[in-house]
Amino acid sequence: MKKFIGIMLILLLSLALLTGCGGEKSGSATFRIASLKGPTTMGMVKLMSDSDAGNTSQDYEFNMYGTADEIVPQLVNGEIDVALVPCNLAGVLYNKTDGAVQIAAVNTLGVLYIVESGDTVQSIEDLRGKTIYSTGKGTTPEYVLQYLLKQNGIEPEKDITIEYKSEPTEIAVMLADAENTVAVLPQPYVTTVQMQNNKVRVALNMTEEWDKVSTDSGMVTGVVLVRKGFVTENPDAFAEFLEEYKASTEYTNENIEEAGALIEKYGIVPKAAVAVKAIPSCNITYVDGKEMKTKVSGYLKVLFDANPQSIGGALPEDDFYYQR
């Protein structure tokens, strides 16, 4: 009888262990993640790959978009939990949703460049009188360009002509065969264009131009935005996501060849060779906590002073900045 009871206890213990291994982890959640086709998603490819292989702590659903306009209504309506978006747009969404979103991390610094199929632009002043093609109307490219022009004594409405296109790919196609054309482009599109037309050169690094005129802030291109309600419901799961996302950004920077292959696999750029060449110029990073708040608040203050509507009409309050 004792032997029988002992065997039953062993079986029950084994069953309990199997049940524990097969059940969901405590604090698990499903994340609906939206990102833009560019550097912010380039830093996330390892996480995407790990998720596909079932090697992540949480369940992730990834959707990539060509423009931020496609993400905004879904985030406002609560159809997206986490979004990788331009920094100024995060401020707009904070104001539009009455503070229902938070910035959790900076994921890209300066990725914008002024390129030219020619050799006439050596400084911001050389842009005077020219036509500049740009993408991102209502987001980072527009406001950064406007700010740099004004800080250098150029009135955008009078001294130059800016023509906006809906996506960087439109400008990339136009530049591929163009001559004497000036455009604002982010990486990796700069690299794509240069590989198609060796006459296209980087005329100005907009991050360097920003640093020349703004000593109190740096350029912050992209951020990780999250719905407050989602964080409140899933604090542990969100903390684990941030750790996995941080590791993914580090992987992209430290394993460029492998990351380039993944970037091609997920359709962010058509060729791994382009991604490999572009990654070092994409300023992919991960910054959170106090340093994040310092960088973002300084950047938004500059944009607000230049054009309050660029960040939604008001500077965000302290609750805009997620702190663990």
C-alpha atoms as a PDB file:
ATOM      1  CA  MET A   1       0.000   0.000   0.000  1.00  0.00           C
ATOM      2  CA  LYS A   2       2.807   2.396   0.944  1.00  0.00           C
ATOM      3  CA  LYS A   3       4.555   1.541  -2.307  1.00  0.00           C
ATOM      4  CA  PHE A   4       1.354   2.300  -4.261  1.00  0.00           C
ATOM      5  CA  ILE A   5       0.889   5.652  -2.483  1.00  0.00           C
ATOM      6  CA  GLY A   6       4.508   6.528  -3.184  1.00  0.00           C
ATOM      7  CA  ILE A   7       4.086   5.803  -6.893  1.00  0.00           C
ATOM      8  CA  MET A   8       0.916   7.913  -7.008  1.00  0.00           C
ATOM      9  CA  LEU A   9       2.674  10.823  -5.315  1.00  0.00           C
ATOM     10  CA  ILE A  10       5.484  10.653  -7.864  1.00  0.00           C
ATOM     11  CA  LEU A  11       2.971  10.615 -10.725  1.00  0.00           C
ATOM     12  CA  LEU A  12       1.047  13.562  -9.284  1.00  0.00           C
ATOM     13  CA  LEU A  13       4.260  15.550  -8.816  1.00  0.00           C
ATOM     14  CA  SER A  14       5.339  14.799 -12.374  1.00  0.00           C
ATOM     15  CA  LEU A  15       1.933  15.898 -13.683  1.00  0.00           C
ATOM     16  CA  ALA A  16       2.154  19.132 -11.719  1.00  0.00           C
ATOM     17  CA  LEU A  17       5.590  19.864 -13.159  1.00  0.00           C
ATOM     18  CA  LEU A  18       4.417  19.169 -16.702  1.00  0.00           C
ATOM     19  CA  THR A  19       1.386  21.406 -16.214  1.00  0.00           C
ATOM     20  CA  GLY A  20       3.585  24.190 -14.890  1.00  0.00           C
ATOM     21  CA  CYS A  21       5.927  23.912 -17.880  1.00  0.00           C
ATOM     22  CA  GLY A  22       3.105  23.881 -20.390  1.00  0.00           C
ATOM     23  CA  GLY A  23       1.097  26.790 -18.962  1.00  0.00           C
ATOM     24  CA  GLU A  24       1.467  30.479 -19.739  1.00  0.00           C
ATOM     25  CA  LYS A  25       4.104  32.490 -17.958  1.00  0.00           C
ATOM     26  CA  SER A  26       2.794  34.836 -15.314  1.00  0.00           C
ATOM     27  CA  GLY A  27       2.524  38.365 -16.639  1.00  0.00           C
ATOM     28  CA  SER A  28       2.264  37.314 -20.296  1.00  0.00           C
ATOM     29  CA  ALA A  29       0.440  39.483 -22.826  1.00  0.00           C
ATOM     30  CA  THR A  30      -0.147  39.898 -26.528  1.00  0.00           C
ATOM     31  CA  PHE A  31       1.436  43.041 -27.956  1.00  0.00           C
ATOM     32  CA  ARG A  32       0.066  44.692 -31.088  1.00  0.00           C
ATOM     33  CA  ILE A  33       3.091  46.584 -32.406  1.00  0.00           C
ATOM     34  CA  ALA A  34       3.172  49.072 -35.276  1.00  0.00           C
ATOM     35  CA  SER A  35       6.292  50.523 -36.836  1.00  0.00           C
ATOM     36  CA  LEU A  36       7.449  52.449 -39.870  1.00  0.00           C
ATOM     37  CA  LYS A  37       9.394  51.044 -42.771  1.00  0.00           C
ATOM     38  CA  GLY A  38      12.836  52.354 -41.881  1.00  0.00           C
ATOM     39  CA  PRO A  39      15.489  52.559 -39.150  1.00  0.00           C
ATOM     40  CA  THR A  40      13.078  52.105 -36.229  1.00  0.00           C
ATOM     41  CA  THR A  41      12.040  48.730 -37.572  1.00  0.00           C
ATOM     42  CA  MET A  42      15.617  47.880 -38.534  1.00  0.00           C
ATOM     43  CA  GLY A  43      16.412  47.868 -34.831  1.00  0.00           C
ATOM     44  CA  MET A  44      13.543  45.476 -34.151  1.00  0.00           C
ATOM     45  CA  VAL A  45      14.324  42.707 -36.656  1.00  0.00           C
ATOM     46  CA  LYS A  46      15.979  40.359 -34.156  1.00  0.00           C
ATOM     47  CA  LEU A  47      12.912  40.580 -31.932  1.00  0.00           C
ATOM     48  CA  MET A  48      10.709  39.881 -34.955  1.00  0.00           C
ATOM     49  CA  SER A  49      12.815  36.876 -35.856  1.00  0.00           C
ATOM     50  CA  ASP A  50      12.835  35.546 -32.296  1.00  0.00           C
ATOM     51  CA  SER A  51       9.073  35.998 -32.123  1.00  0.00           C
ATOM     52  CA  ASP A  52       8.557  34.007 -35.313  1.00  0.00           C
ATOM     53  CA  ALA A  53      10.679  31.238 -33.800  1.00  0.00           C
ATOM     54  CA  GLY A  54       8.687  31.278 -30.565  1.00  0.00           C
ATOM     55  CA  ASN A  55      11.689  32.441 -28.543  1.00  0.00           C
ATOM     56  CA  THR A  56      10.248  35.526 -26.843  1.00  0.00           C
ATOM     57  CA  SER A  57       8.751  36.053 -23.414  1.00  0.00           C
ATOM     58  CA  GLN A  58       5.587  37.605 -24.861  1.00  0.00           C
ATOM     59  CA  ASP A  59       3.357  37.212 -27.901  1.00  0.00           C
ATOM     60  CA  TYR A  60       4.093  39.895 -30.485  1.00  0.00           C
ATOM     61  CA  GLU A  61       2.015  40.893 -33.507  1.00  0.00           C
ATOM     62  CA  PHE A  62       4.022  43.139 -35.835  1.00  0.00           C
ATOM     63  CA  ASN A  63       2.650  45.423 -38.540  1.00  0.00           C
ATOM     64  CA  MET A  64       4.825  47.746 -40.598  1.00  0.00           C
ATOM     65  CA  TYR A  65       3.525  50.845 -42.402  1.00  0.00           C
ATOM     66  CA  GLY A  66       4.789  53.274 -45.018  1.00  0.00           C
ATOM     67  CA  THR A  67       3.581  56.435 -43.278  1.00  0.00           C
ATOM     68  CA  ALA A  68       2.739  57.506 -39.736  1.00  0.00           C
ATOM     69  CA  ASP A  69      -0.738  58.570 -40.871  1.00  0.00           C
ATOM     70  CA  GLU A  70      -1.677  54.900 -41.073  1.00  0.00           C
ATOM     71  CA  ILE A  71      -0.697  54.330 -37.444  1.00  0.00           C
ATOM     72  CA  VAL A  72      -2.295  57.345 -35.770  1.00  0.00           C
ATOM     73  CA  PRO A  73      -6.008  56.393 -35.949  1.00  0.00           C
ATOM     74  CA  GLN A  74      -5.309  52.839 -34.808  1.00  0.00           C
ATOM     75  CA  LEU A  75      -3.356  54.055 -31.812  1.00  0.00           C
ATOM     76  CA  VAL A  76      -6.006  56.617 -30.909  1.00  0.00           C
ATOM     77  CA  ASN A  77      -8.701  53.925 -31.122  1.00  0.00           C
ATOM     78  CA  GLY A  78      -6.760  51.499 -28.963  1.00  0.00           C
ATOM     79  CA  GLU A  79      -6.145  49.043 -31.810  1.00  0.00           C
ATOM     80  CA  ILE A  80      -2.374  49.272 -31.308  1.00  0.00           C
ATOM     81  CA  ASP A  81      -0.527  48.843 -28.016  1.00  0.00           C
ATOM     82  CA  VAL A  82       3.005  49.915 -28.950  1.00  0.00           C
ATOM     83  CA  ALA A  83       4.083  52.136 -31.838  1.00  0.00           C
ATOM     84  CA  LEU A  84       7.522  53.127 -33.102  1.00  0.00           C
ATOM     85  CA  VAL A  85       6.917  56.648 -34.426  1.00  0.00           C
ATOM     86  CA  PRO A  86       8.603  60.017 -35.013  1.00  0.00           C
ATOM     87  CA  CYS A  87       9.309  61.896 -31.789  1.00  0.00           C
ATOM     88  CA  ASN A  88       7.254  64.967 -32.617  1.00  0.00           C
ATOM     89  CA  LEU A  89       4.280  62.762 -33.524  1.00  0.00           C
ATOM     90  CA  ALA A  90       4.464  61.239 -30.057  1.00  0.00           C
ATOM     91  CA  GLY A  91       3.902  64.732 -28.661  1.00  0.00           C
ATOM     92  CA  VAL A  92       0.966  65.275 -31.007  1.00  0.00           C
ATOM     93  CA  LEU A  93      -0.611  61.995 -29.933  1.00  0.00           C
ATOM     94  CA  TYR A  94      -0.118  62.810 -26.251  1.00  0.00           C
ATOM     95  CA  ASN A  95      -2.058  66.043 -26.729  1.00  0.00           C
ATOM     96  CA  LYS A  96      -4.650  64.460 -29.027  1.00  0.00           C
ATOM     97  CA  THR A  97      -5.437  61.626 -26.589  1.00  0.00           C
ATOM     98  CA  ASP A  98      -5.397  63.758 -23.422  1.00  0.00           C
ATOM     99  CA  GLY A  99      -2.260  62.072 -22.173  1.00  0.00           C
ATOM    100  CA  ALA A 100      -3.224  58.474 -22.945  1.00  0.00           C
ATOM    101  CA  VAL A 101       0.209  57.580 -24.328  1.00  0.00           C
ATOM    102  CA  GLN A 102       3.762  57.557 -22.995  1.00  0.00           C
ATOM    103  CA  ILE A 103       7.248  57.517 -24.451  1.00  0.00           C
ATOM    104  CA  ALA A 104       9.149  54.489 -23.174  1.00  0.00           C
ATOM    105  CA  ALA A 105      12.430  54.823 -25.083  1.00  0.00           C
ATOM    106  CA  VAL A 106      14.340  56.644 -27.793  1.00  0.00           C
ATOM    107  CA  ASN A 107      15.124  54.225 -30.610  1.00  0.00           C
ATOM    108  CA  THR A 108      16.752  56.356 -33.299  1.00  0.00           C
ATOM    109  CA  LEU A 109      18.680  59.599 -33.251  1.00  0.00           C
ATOM    110  CA  GLY A 110      19.470  61.580 -36.399  1.00  0.00           C
ATOM    111  CA  VAL A 111      18.780  59.692 -39.635  1.00  0.00           C
ATOM    112  CA  LEU A 112      18.042  62.630 -41.946  1.00  0.00           C
ATOM    113  CA  TYR A 113      20.334  63.876 -44.696  1.00  0.00           C
ATOM    114  CA  ILE A 114      20.179  66.461 -47.451  1.00  0.00           C
ATOM    115  CA  VAL A 115      21.319  64.778 -50.639  1.00  0.00           C
ATOM    116  CA  GLU A 116      22.084  66.233 -54.034  1.00  0.00           C
ATOM    117  CA  SER A 117      22.664  64.894 -57.516  1.00  0.00           C
ATOM    118  CA  GLY A 118      25.240  67.573 -58.133  1.00  0.00           C
ATOM    119  CA  ASP A 119      27.780  69.618 -56.209  1.00  0.00           C
ATOM    120  CA  THR A 120      26.199  73.005 -55.454  1.00  0.00           C
ATOM    121  CA  VAL A 121      25.177  72.550 -51.802  1.00  0.00           C
ATOM    122  CA  GLN A 122      27.953  72.821 -49.239  1.00  0.00           C
ATOM    123  CA  SER A 123      26.036  74.642 -46.503  1.00  0.00           C
ATOM    124  CA  ILE A 124      22.478  75.477 -45.443  1.00  0.00           C
ATOM    125  CA  GLU A 125      22.876  78.886 -47.071  1.00  0.00           C
ATOM    126  CA  ASP A 126      23.390  77.189 -50.422  1.00  0.00           C
ATOM    127  CA  LEU A 127      19.786  75.954 -50.267  1.00  0.00           C
ATOM    128  CA  ARG A 128      18.481  79.483 -50.759  1.00  0.00           C
ATOM    129  CA  GLY A 129      16.521  79.775 -54.001  1.00  0.00           C
ATOM    130  CA  LYS A 130      16.395  76.041 -54.620  1.00  0.00           C
ATOM    131  CA  THR A 131      13.586  73.490 -54.805  1.00  0.00           C
ATOM    132  CA  ILE A 132      13.885  70.801 -52.133  1.00  0.00           C
ATOM    133  CA  TYR A 133      11.992  67.534 -52.296  1.00  0.00           C
ATOM    134  CA  SER A 134      11.109  66.018 -48.961  1.00  0.00           C
ATOM    135  CA  THR A 135       8.975  63.415 -47.313  1.00  0.00           C
ATOM    136  CA  GLY A 136       7.276  63.442 -43.921  1.00  0.00           C
ATOM    137  CA  LYS A 137       5.021  66.483 -44.081  1.00  0.00           C
ATOM    138  CA  GLY A 138       3.683  67.039 -40.572  1.00  0.00           C
ATOM    139  CA  THR A 139       6.410  64.897 -39.014  1.00  0.00           C
ATOM    140  CA  THR A 140      10.122  65.047 -38.230  1.00  0.00           C
ATOM    141  CA  PRO A 141      11.556  65.816 -41.704  1.00  0.00           C
ATOM    142  CA  GLU A 142       9.340  68.876 -42.202  1.00  0.00           C
ATOM    143  CA  TYR A 143       9.940  70.401 -38.779  1.00  0.00           C
ATOM    144  CA  VAL A 144      13.666  69.703 -38.693  1.00  0.00           C
ATOM    145  CA  LEU A 145      14.127  71.242 -42.142  1.00  0.00           C
ATOM    146  CA  GLN A 146      12.010  74.274 -41.251  1.00  0.00           C
ATOM    147  CA  TYR A 147      13.930  74.770 -38.010  1.00  0.00           C
ATOM    148  CA  LEU A 148      17.356  74.526 -39.630  1.00  0.00           C
ATOM    149  CA  LEU A 149      16.394  76.922 -42.411  1.00  0.00           C
ATOM    150  CA  LYS A 150      15.037  79.540 -40.019  1.00  0.00           C
ATOM    151  CA  GLN A 151      18.013  79.244 -37.682  1.00  0.00           C
ATOM    152  CA  ASN A 152      20.229  80.007 -40.662  1.00  0.00           C
ATOM    153  CA  GLY A 153      18.233  83.056 -41.714  1.00  0.00           C
ATOM    154  CA  ILE A 154      16.258  81.419 -44.519  1.00  0.00           C
ATOM    155  CA  GLU A 155      12.483  81.857 -44.672  1.00  0.00           C
ATOM    156  CA  PRO A 156      11.016  78.585 -46.003  1.00  0.00           C
ATOM    157  CA  GLU A 157       7.919  80.264 -47.425  1.00  0.00           C
ATOM    158  CA  LYS A 158       9.873  82.929 -49.331  1.00  0.00           C
ATOM    159  CA  ASP A 159      13.429  81.841 -49.976  1.00  0.00           C
ATOM    160  CA  ILE A 160      13.010  78.256 -51.171  1.00  0.00           C
ATOM    161  CA  THR A 161      10.404  75.869 -52.553  1.00  0.00           C
ATOM    162  CA  ILE A 162       9.659  72.652 -50.671  1.00  0.00           C
ATOM    163  CA  GLU A 163       7.743  69.919 -52.455  1.00  0.00           C
ATOM    164  CA  TYR A 164       6.525  67.076 -50.256  1.00  0.00           C
ATOM    165  CA  LYS A 165       6.084  63.486 -51.355  1.00  0.00           C
ATOM    166  CA  SER A 166       4.084  60.900 -49.436  1.00  0.00           C
ATOM    167  CA  GLU A 167       6.879  58.348 -49.028  1.00  0.00           C
ATOM    168  CA  PRO A 168      10.690  58.280 -49.226  1.00  0.00           C
ATOM    169  CA  THR A 169      10.468  55.709 -52.013  1.00  0.00           C
ATOM    170  CA  GLU A 170       8.961  58.340 -54.321  1.00  0.00           C
ATOM    171  CA  ILE A 171      11.955  60.601 -53.834  1.00  0.00           C
ATOM    172  CA  ALA A 172      14.353  57.676 -54.132  1.00  0.00           C
ATOM    173  CA  VAL A 173      12.903  56.773 -57.529  1.00  0.00           C
ATOM    174  CA  MET A 174      13.044  60.392 -58.657  1.00  0.00           C
ATOM    175  CA  LEU A 175      16.680  60.800 -57.601  1.00  0.00           C
ATOM    176  CA  ALA A 176      17.806  57.589 -59.250  1.00  0.00           C
ATOM    177  CA  ASP A 177      18.004  59.298 -62.668  1.00  0.00           C
ATOM    178  CA  ALA A 178      17.853  62.962 -61.696  1.00  0.00           C
ATOM    179  CA  GLU A 179      20.447  65.682 -62.134  1.00  0.00           C
ATOM    180  CA  ASN A 180      20.890  68.815 -60.032  1.00  0.00           C
ATOM    181  CA  THR A 181      18.152  67.727 -57.639  1.00  0.00           C
ATOM    182  CA  VAL A 182      18.155  68.375 -53.876  1.00  0.00           C
ATOM    183  CA  ALA A 183      16.163  66.274 -51.430  1.00  0.00           C
ATOM    184  CA  VAL A 184      15.738  65.426 -47.755  1.00  0.00           C
ATOM    185  CA  LEU A 185      15.943  61.695 -47.195  1.00  0.00           C
ATOM    186  CA  PRO A 186      16.309  59.381 -44.216  1.00  0.00           C
ATOM    187  CA  GLN A 187      18.463  56.308 -44.116  1.00  0.00           C
ATOM    188  CA  PRO A 188      18.359  53.652 -45.506  1.00  0.00           C
ATOM    189  CA  TYR A 189      16.912  55.429 -48.552  1.00  0.00           C
ATOM    190  CA  VAL A 190      20.044  57.569 -48.854  1.00  0.00           C
ATOM    191  CA  THR A 191      22.130  54.432 -49.298  1.00  0.00           C
ATOM    192  CA  THR A 192      19.602  52.931 -51.726  1.00  0.00           C
ATOM    193  CA  VAL A 193      19.717  56.009 -53.951  1.00  0.00           C
ATOM    194  CA  GLN A 194      23.505  56.228 -53.883  1.00  0.00           C
ATOM    195  CA  MET A 195      23.831  52.595 -54.933  1.00  0.00           C
ATOM    196  CA  GLN A 196      21.543  53.321 -57.902  1.00  0.00           C
ATOM    197  CA  ASN A 197      23.150  56.617 -58.909  1.00  0.00           C
ATOM    198  CA  ASN A 198      26.739  57.351 -57.934  1.00  0.00           C
ATOM    199  CA  LYS A 199      26.212  61.028 -58.748  1.00  0.00           C
ATOM    200  CA  VAL A 200      24.035  61.431 -55.639  1.00  0.00           C
ATOM    201  CA  ARG A 201      26.034  62.683 -52.681  1.00  0.00           C
ATOM    202  CA  VAL A 202      25.299  63.507 -49.062  1.00  0.00           C
ATOM    203  CA  ALA A 203      25.477  67.287 -49.076  1.00  0.00           C
ATOM    204  CA  LEU A 204      24.560  67.906 -45.427  1.00  0.00           C
ATOM    205  CA  ASN A 205      24.160  65.743 -42.342  1.00  0.00           C
ATOM    206  CA  MET A 206      21.092  67.269 -40.683  1.00  0.00           C
ATOM    207  CA  THR A 207      22.115  65.980 -37.256  1.00  0.00           C
ATOM    208  CA  GLU A 208      25.393  67.893 -37.503  1.00  0.00           C
ATOM    209  CA  GLU A 209      23.561  70.986 -38.735  1.00  0.00           C
ATOM    210  CA  TRP A 210      21.156  70.696 -35.783  1.00  0.00           C
ATOM    211  CA  ASP A 211      24.044  70.533 -33.331  1.00  0.00           C
ATOM    212  CA  LYS A 212      25.498  73.730 -34.801  1.00  0.00           C
ATOM    213  CA  VAL A 213      22.404  75.789 -33.963  1.00  0.00           C
ATOM    214  CA  SER A 214      21.014  74.011 -30.884  1.00  0.00           C
ATOM    215  CA  THR A 215      23.361  73.462 -27.965  1.00  0.00           C
ATOM    216  CA  ASP A 216      20.646  72.443 -25.468  1.00  0.00           C
ATOM    217  CA  SER A 217      19.194  69.465 -27.332  1.00  0.00           C
ATOM    218  CA  GLY A 218      20.028  66.721 -29.756  1.00  0.00           C
ATOM    219  CA  MET A 219      17.965  65.438 -32.633  1.00  0.00           C
ATOM    220  CA  VAL A 220      15.637  62.620 -31.641  1.00  0.00           C
ATOM    221  CA  THR A 221      14.108  60.960 -34.674  1.00  0.00           C
ATOM    222  CA  GLY A 222      12.152  57.969 -33.392  1.00  0.00           C
ATOM    223  CA  VAL A 223      10.666  56.752 -30.115  1.00  0.00           C
ATOM    224  CA  VAL A 224       8.804  53.802 -28.618  1.00  0.00           C
ATOM    225  CA  LEU A 225       5.280  54.934 -27.741  1.00  0.00           C
ATOM    226  CA  VAL A 226       2.888  52.892 -25.603  1.00  0.00           C
ATOM    227  CA  ARG A 227      -0.696  53.228 -24.449  1.00  0.00           C
ATOM    228  CA  LYS A 228      -0.856  53.959 -20.716  1.00  0.00           C
ATOM    229  CA  GLY A 229      -3.776  51.591 -20.298  1.00  0.00           C
ATOM    230  CA  PHE A 230      -1.757  48.750 -21.752  1.00  0.00           C
ATOM    231  CA  VAL A 231       1.184  49.397 -19.411  1.00  0.00           C
ATOM    232  CA  THR A 232      -1.138  49.602 -16.415  1.00  0.00           C
ATOM    233  CA  GLU A 233      -2.663  46.233 -17.268  1.00  0.00           C
ATOM    234  CA  ASN A 234       0.646  44.559 -18.181  1.00  0.00           C
ATOM    235  CA  PRO A 235       3.520  46.200 -16.268  1.00  0.00           C
ATOM    236  CA  ASP A 236       5.736  43.116 -16.012  1.00  0.00           C
ATOM    237  CA  ALA A 237       5.115  42.034 -19.575  1.00  0.00           C
ATOM    238  CA  PHE A 238       5.939  45.522 -20.859  1.00  0.00           C
ATOM    239  CA  ALA A 239       9.182  45.597 -18.871  1.00  0.00           C
ATOM    240  CA  GLU A 240      10.154  42.286 -20.482  1.00  0.00           C
ATOM    241  CA  PHE A 241       9.298  43.649 -23.924  1.00  0.00           C
ATOM    242  CA  LEU A 242      11.608  46.612 -23.378  1.00  0.00           C
ATOM    243  CA  GLU A 243      14.466  44.307 -22.413  1.00  0.00           C
ATOM    244  CA  GLU A 244      13.932  42.186 -25.516  1.00  0.00           C
ATOM    245  CA  TYR A 245      13.601  45.239 -27.728  1.00  0.00           C
ATOM    246  CA  LYS A 246      16.786  46.755 -26.292  1.00  0.00           C
ATOM    247  CA  ALA A 247      18.646  43.515 -26.991  1.00  0.00           C
ATOM    248  CA  SER A 248      17.307  43.606 -30.554  1.00  0.00           C
ATOM    249  CA  THR A 249      18.671  47.117 -31.190  1.00  0.00           C
ATOM    250  CA  GLU A 250      22.054  46.032 -29.828  1.00  0.00           C
ATOM    251  CA  TYR A 251      22.018  42.989 -32.102  1.00  0.00           C
ATOM    252  CA  THR A 252      21.407  45.168 -35.166  1.00  0.00           C
ATOM    253  CA  ASN A 253      24.357  47.414 -34.346  1.00  0.00           C
ATOM    254  CA  GLU A 254      26.728  44.616 -33.348  1.00  0.00           C
ATOM    255  CA  ASN A 255      25.827  41.999 -35.989  1.00  0.00           C
ATOM    256  CA  ILE A 256      25.459  44.089 -39.111  1.00  0.00           C
ATOM    257  CA  GLU A 257      25.703  41.294 -41.675  1.00  0.00           C
ATOM    258  CA  GLU A 258      23.164  39.087 -39.895  1.00  0.00           C
ATOM    259  CA  ALA A 259      20.864  42.023 -39.200  1.00  0.00           C
ATOM    260  CA  GLY A 260      21.098  43.044 -42.852  1.00  0.00           C
ATOM    261  CA  ALA A 261      19.831  39.624 -43.895  1.00  0.00           C
ATOM    262  CA  LEU A 262      16.876  39.925 -41.521  1.00  0.00           C
ATOM    263  CA  ILE A 263      16.112  43.449 -42.742  1.00  0.00           C
ATOM    264  CA  GLU A 264      15.859  42.084 -46.279  1.00  0.00           C
ATOM    265  CA  LYS A 265      13.795  39.114 -45.090  1.00  0.00           C
ATOM    266  CA  TYR A 266      11.181  41.365 -43.487  1.00  0.00           C
ATOM    267  CA  GLY A 267      10.977  43.665 -46.498  1.00  0.00           C
ATOM    268  CA  ILE A 268      12.330  46.806 -44.830  1.00  0.00           C
ATOM    269  CA  VAL A 269      14.808  47.256 -47.669  1.00  0.00           C
ATOM    270  CA  PRO A 270      14.958  45.105 -50.809  1.00  0.00           C
ATOM    271  CA  LYS A 271      18.631  44.105 -50.507  1.00  0.00           C
ATOM    272  CA  ALA A 272      20.679  43.027 -47.509  1.00  0.00           C
ATOM    273  CA  ALA A 273      23.687  44.815 -49.008  1.00  0.00           C
ATOM    274  CA  VAL A 274      21.855  48.131 -48.759  1.00  0.00           C
ATOM    275  CA  ALA A 275      20.966  47.495 -45.121  1.00  0.00           C
ATOM    276  CA  VAL A 276      24.520  46.501 -44.225  1.00  0.00           C
ATOM    277  CA  LYS A 277      25.871  49.714 -45.720  1.00  0.00           C
ATOM    278  CA  ALA A 278      23.137  51.876 -44.170  1.00  0.00           C
ATOM    279  CA  ILE A 279      23.068  50.587 -40.575  1.00  0.00           C
ATOM    280  CA  PRO A 280      26.112  52.558 -39.353  1.00  0.00           C
ATOM    281  CA  SER A 281      24.451  55.805 -40.512  1.00  0.00           C
ATOM    282  CA  CYS A 282      21.025  55.053 -39.041  1.00  0.00           C
ATOM    283  CA  ASN A 283      21.883  55.947 -35.420  1.00  0.00           C
ATOM    284  CA  ILE A 284      19.833  53.045 -34.077  1.00  0.00           C
ATOM    285  CA  THR A 285      19.891  53.172 -30.296  1.00  0.00           C
ATOM    286  CA  TYR A 286      18.015  52.460 -27.097  1.00  0.00           C
ATOM    287  CA  VAL A 287      17.726  55.155 -24.434  1.00  0.00           C
ATOM    288  CA  ASP A 288      15.248  55.121 -21.560  1.00  0.00           C
ATOM    289  CA  GLY A 289      14.769  56.604 -18.089  1.00  0.00           C
ATOM    290  CA  LYS A 290      16.133  60.042 -17.165  1.00  0.00           C
ATOM    291  CA  GLU A 291      18.405  60.290 -20.192  1.00  0.00           C
ATOM    292  CA  MET A 292      15.437  59.637 -22.463  1.00  0.00           C
ATOM    293  CA  LYS A 293      13.412  62.367 -20.756  1.00  0.00           C
ATOM    294  CA  THR A 294      16.283  64.854 -21.073  1.00  0.00           C
ATOM    295  CA  LYS A 295      16.792  64.170 -24.772  1.00  0.00           C
ATOM    296  CA  VAL A 296      13.121  64.131 -25.708  1.00  0.00           C
ATOM    297  CA  SER A 297      12.011  67.117 -23.626  1.00  0.00           C
ATOM    298  CA  GLY A 298      14.878  69.240 -24.987  1.00  0.00           C
ATOM    299  CA  TYR A 299      14.102  68.281 -28.563  1.00  0.00           C
ATOM    300  CA  LEU A 300      10.367  68.916 -28.189  1.00  0.00           C
ATOM    301  CA  LYS A 301      11.042  72.297 -26.579  1.00  0.00           C
ATOM    302  CA  VAL A 302      13.033  73.374 -29.631  1.00  0.00           C
ATOM    303  CA  LEU A 303      10.250  72.251 -31.963  1.00  0.00           C
ATOM    304  CA  PHE A 304       7.599  73.890 -29.787  1.00  0.00           C
ATOM    305  CA  ASP A 305       9.420  77.229 -29.780  1.00  0.00           C
ATOM    306  CA  ALA A 306       9.716  77.049 -33.564  1.00  0.00           C
ATOM    307  CA  ASN A 307       6.148  75.861 -34.206  1.00  0.00           C
ATOM    308  CA  PRO A 308       3.837  74.803 -31.334  1.00  0.00           C
ATOM    309  CA  GLN A 309       1.646  72.760 -33.674  1.00  0.00           C
ATOM    310  CA  SER A 310       4.600  70.554 -34.565  1.00  0.00           C
ATOM    311  CA  ILE A 311       4.087  68.750 -31.249  1.00  0.00           C
ATOM    312  CA  GLY A 312       0.336  69.221 -30.898  1.00  0.00           C
ATOM    313  CA  GLY A 313       0.177  72.724 -29.427  1.00  0.00           C
ATOM    314  CA  ALA A 314       1.550  72.120 -25.922  1.00  0.00           C
ATOM    315  CA  LEU A 315       4.593  70.624 -24.246  1.00  0.00           C
ATOM    316  CA  PRO A 316       3.797  67.253 -22.634  1.00  0.00           C
ATOM    317  CA  GLU A 317       3.652  66.933 -18.859  1.00  0.00           C
ATOM    318  CA  ASP A 318       5.911  64.662 -16.796  1.00  0.00           C
ATOM    319  CA  ASP A 319       3.488  61.728 -17.135  1.00  0.00           C
ATOM    320  CA  PHE A 320       4.455  61.593 -20.812  1.00  0.00           C
ATOM    321  CA  TYR A 321       7.725  59.916 -19.844  1.00  0.00           C
ATOM    322  CA  TYR A 322       7.478  56.272 -18.815  1.00  0.00           C
ATOM    323  CA  GLN A 323       9.572  55.348 -15.794  1.00  0.00           C
ATOM    324  CA  ARG A 324       9.972  51.809 -14.546  1.00  0.00           C
END
